[in-house]
Amino acid sequence: RSGAGKTTLVDVILGLLIPQSGDIQVDGVSVYSDIRAWQNLIGYVPQSIFLMDDTIERNIAFGVPDAHIDAERLQTAIETAQLLELTEQLPEGIHTVIGERGVRLSGGQRQRIGIARALYHEREILVLDEATAALDNETERLVSKAIQSLGGIKTVIIIAHRLSTIEHCDCIYQLEKGRIVKSGSYQEVVSV
């Protein structure tokens, strides 16, 4: 629900907001003791992706000089984010320029580039903030399947309005007015 506190929670997880009370600890250590190290562990995929007027390749490997782009890692990220069919259909493949803010792509394609970017940079924790909201049902199903395959490899935090998006999650927290009102498995949270 809107106004539940999801955006604030994401900002706290990302270390953009420091809580007035309480703490986030990993292995008994406050993430705020070395906020930069914490932030370097996180791959963040917002609902609205920042894209440059550049190639698909450079948008996925964002910040990496061309000479250091790992082709194998790029290919894996493209496949996992369900972008392979798109790149194979484009005349210049991954070297296709997508336009300012990705105007030559659909909303779902832009979102998948954001997901591929987070996967390419191999962060230990992925935060997906309404990251599948712009996807059609079939693409969302495929991307969700790919995200599920990361289970046991990465910690994935999914912020979502639609329950179908988080049905496969190990633990779900339902927020209302900034408070956790329910937590547990999908079945436990959706039951009345």
Protein backbone atom coordinates (compact mmCIF):
# COMPACT_ATOMS: atom_id res chain seq x y z
CA ARG A 1 0.00 0.00 0.00
CA SER A 2 1.05 3.56 -0.61
CA GLY A 3 2.19 5.35 2.53
CA ALA A 4 3.17 2.14 4.30
CA GLY A 5 6.79 3.22 4.68
CA LYS A 6 8.41 1.14 1.94
CA THR A 7 10.46 4.02 0.50
CA THR A 8 11.74 5.02 3.94
CA LEU A 9 12.65 1.41 4.69
CA VAL A 10 14.60 1.16 1.42
CA ASP A 11 16.45 4.39 2.24
CA VAL A 12 17.40 2.96 5.66
CA ILE A 13 18.55 -0.35 4.14
CA LEU A 14 20.63 1.51 1.54
CA GLY A 15 22.22 3.64 4.26
CA LEU A 16 20.77 6.86 2.87
CA LEU A 17 18.86 7.48 6.11
CA ILE A 18 20.23 6.71 9.55
CA PRO A 19 17.46 5.69 11.97
CA GLN A 20 17.03 7.84 15.08
CA SER A 21 16.78 4.67 17.13
CA GLY A 22 17.54 1.05 16.42
CA ASP A 23 20.18 -0.42 14.17
CA ILE A 24 20.74 -2.72 11.23
CA GLN A 25 23.26 -5.41 12.08
CA VAL A 26 24.84 -8.11 9.97
CA ASP A 27 26.67 -10.84 11.86
CA GLY A 28 26.37 -8.73 15.01
CA VAL A 29 28.06 -5.67 13.47
CA SER A 30 26.24 -2.41 12.78
CA VAL A 31 26.19 -1.59 9.07
CA TYR A 32 26.62 2.06 10.08
CA SER A 33 30.10 1.36 11.50
CA ASP A 34 31.34 1.26 7.88
CA ILE A 35 28.52 2.56 5.72
CA ARG A 36 30.59 2.59 2.49
CA ALA A 37 31.48 -1.09 2.87
CA TRP A 38 27.78 -1.85 3.47
CA GLN A 39 26.70 0.14 0.42
CA ASN A 40 29.29 -1.67 -1.73
CA LEU A 41 27.52 -4.94 -0.93
CA ILE A 42 24.18 -3.70 -2.31
CA GLY A 43 22.85 -3.74 -5.85
CA TYR A 44 19.81 -1.48 -6.03
CA VAL A 45 17.14 -1.68 -8.73
CA PRO A 46 14.62 1.17 -8.40
CA GLN A 47 11.28 1.35 -10.20
CA SER A 48 12.64 4.13 -12.43
CA ILE A 49 16.02 3.17 -13.92
CA PHE A 50 18.70 5.72 -14.80
CA LEU A 51 19.83 5.04 -18.35
CA MET A 52 22.34 6.91 -20.49
CA ASP A 53 22.11 7.69 -24.20
CA ASP A 54 24.57 4.89 -24.85
CA THR A 55 24.70 1.19 -25.70
CA ILE A 56 22.95 -1.61 -23.86
CA GLU A 57 26.40 -2.97 -22.97
CA ARG A 58 27.56 0.28 -21.36
CA ASN A 59 24.27 0.77 -19.54
CA ILE A 60 24.53 -2.68 -17.99
CA ALA A 61 28.25 -2.39 -17.14
CA PHE A 62 27.64 1.17 -15.92
CA GLY A 63 30.81 2.75 -14.53
CA VAL A 64 33.17 0.11 -15.93
CA PRO A 65 35.63 1.28 -18.63
CA ASP A 66 35.11 -0.49 -21.98
CA ALA A 67 38.48 -2.27 -21.72
CA HIS A 68 37.42 -3.85 -18.41
CA ILE A 69 33.92 -5.02 -19.32
CA ASP A 70 33.71 -8.75 -18.64
CA ALA A 71 31.90 -10.26 -21.66
CA GLU A 72 31.04 -13.50 -19.88
CA ARG A 73 29.60 -11.72 -16.84
CA LEU A 74 27.69 -9.37 -19.16
CA GLN A 75 26.19 -12.32 -21.04
CA THR A 76 25.14 -14.02 -17.80
CA ALA A 77 23.46 -10.83 -16.56
CA ILE A 78 21.65 -10.42 -19.90
CA GLU A 79 20.39 -14.01 -19.82
CA THR A 80 19.32 -13.87 -16.16
CA ALA A 81 17.46 -10.58 -16.68
CA GLN A 82 15.62 -12.08 -19.68
CA LEU A 83 17.21 -9.67 -22.20
CA LEU A 84 18.76 -12.23 -24.56
CA GLU A 85 15.86 -12.27 -27.01
CA LEU A 86 15.86 -8.46 -27.19
CA THR A 87 19.61 -8.18 -27.80
CA GLU A 88 19.48 -10.90 -30.45
CA GLN A 89 16.68 -9.07 -32.31
CA LEU A 90 18.48 -5.72 -32.43
CA PRO A 91 20.67 -5.10 -35.50
CA GLU A 92 23.64 -4.02 -33.36
CA GLY A 93 22.89 -6.35 -30.44
CA ILE A 94 24.39 -5.16 -27.16
CA HIS A 95 26.04 -2.30 -29.06
CA THR A 96 22.65 -0.73 -29.85
CA VAL A 97 22.30 2.83 -28.53
CA ILE A 98 19.07 3.04 -26.52
CA GLY A 99 18.53 6.82 -26.46
CA GLU A 100 18.32 9.28 -23.60
CA ARG A 101 16.64 7.59 -20.59
CA GLY A 102 16.23 4.50 -22.79
CA VAL A 103 13.48 6.05 -24.95
CA ARG A 104 13.95 3.41 -27.65
CA LEU A 105 12.96 0.68 -25.20
CA SER A 106 9.72 -0.31 -23.50
CA GLY A 107 9.32 0.21 -19.75
CA GLY A 108 9.83 -3.49 -19.16
CA GLN A 109 12.99 -3.57 -21.26
CA ARG A 110 14.40 -0.58 -19.35
CA GLN A 111 13.60 -2.34 -16.07
CA ARG A 112 15.37 -5.50 -17.19
CA ILE A 113 18.47 -3.47 -18.07
CA GLY A 114 18.42 -2.17 -14.49
CA ILE A 115 18.16 -5.72 -13.17
CA ALA A 116 20.99 -6.85 -15.50
CA ARG A 117 23.12 -3.94 -14.21
CA ALA A 118 22.68 -5.05 -10.60
CA LEU A 119 23.49 -8.64 -11.57
CA TYR A 120 26.53 -7.63 -13.63
CA HIS A 121 28.10 -5.82 -10.69
CA GLU A 122 27.76 -9.00 -8.57
CA ARG A 123 26.62 -7.45 -5.32
CA GLU A 124 25.88 -9.79 -2.42
CA ILE A 125 22.55 -8.14 -1.63
CA LEU A 126 19.99 -7.15 -4.25
CA VAL A 127 17.30 -4.63 -3.35
CA LEU A 128 14.50 -4.64 -5.91
CA ASP A 129 12.21 -1.65 -5.27
CA GLU A 130 9.08 -2.32 -7.34
CA ALA A 131 11.56 -3.56 -9.94
CA THR A 132 9.05 -5.79 -11.74
CA ALA A 133 6.13 -3.33 -11.65
CA ALA A 134 6.64 -2.25 -15.30
CA LEU A 135 6.90 -5.81 -16.63
CA ASP A 136 4.11 -7.69 -18.38
CA ASN A 137 2.92 -10.85 -16.62
CA GLU A 138 5.00 -13.28 -18.71
CA THR A 139 8.23 -11.28 -18.39
CA GLU A 140 7.61 -10.80 -14.66
CA ARG A 141 7.22 -14.58 -14.34
CA LEU A 142 10.50 -15.17 -16.19
CA VAL A 143 12.41 -12.51 -14.23
CA SER A 144 10.93 -13.81 -10.95
CA LYS A 145 12.10 -17.30 -11.88
CA ALA A 146 15.59 -15.91 -12.54
CA ILE A 147 15.56 -14.07 -9.21
CA GLN A 148 14.45 -17.26 -7.45
CA SER A 149 17.47 -19.03 -8.94
CA LEU A 150 19.67 -16.64 -6.92
CA GLY A 151 18.30 -18.14 -3.68
CA GLY A 152 21.15 -19.36 -1.51
CA ILE A 153 23.61 -17.34 -3.62
CA LYS A 154 22.46 -13.79 -2.87
CA THR A 155 20.23 -12.07 -0.38
CA VAL A 156 17.33 -10.55 -2.30
CA ILE A 157 15.09 -7.92 -0.76
CA ILE A 158 11.97 -7.28 -2.83
CA ILE A 159 9.71 -4.28 -2.24
CA ALA A 160 6.36 -4.86 -3.95
CA HIS A 161 2.70 -3.93 -4.04
CA ARG A 162 1.56 -7.07 -5.85
CA LEU A 163 1.55 -10.21 -3.73
CA SER A 164 2.23 -12.36 -6.80
CA THR A 165 5.67 -10.71 -7.01
CA ILE A 166 6.72 -12.02 -3.60
CA GLU A 167 4.89 -15.35 -3.51
CA HIS A 168 8.19 -17.29 -3.73
CA CYS A 169 9.99 -15.37 -0.95
CA ASP A 170 11.24 -17.14 2.18
CA CYS A 171 10.00 -14.43 4.52
CA ILE A 172 7.55 -11.60 3.88
CA TYR A 173 7.02 -8.49 5.98
CA GLN A 174 3.82 -6.52 5.52
CA LEU A 175 4.09 -2.82 6.39
CA GLU A 176 1.33 -0.41 7.34
CA LYS A 177 2.01 3.16 8.43
CA GLY A 178 5.69 2.43 8.96
CA ARG A 179 5.14 -0.65 11.12
CA ILE A 180 5.45 -4.36 10.45
CA VAL A 181 1.93 -5.73 10.89
CA LYS A 182 2.52 -9.28 9.62
CA SER A 183 5.51 -11.45 8.86
CA GLY A 184 6.06 -15.01 7.81
CA SER A 185 5.66 -17.19 4.74
CA TYR A 186 3.44 -16.15 1.85
CA GLN A 187 0.60 -18.32 3.18
CA GLU A 188 0.93 -16.88 6.69
CA VAL A 189 0.87 -13.28 5.47
CA VAL A 190 -2.05 -13.63 3.03
CA SER A 191 -4.26 -15.58 5.44
CA VAL A 192 -6.83 -13.46 7.26
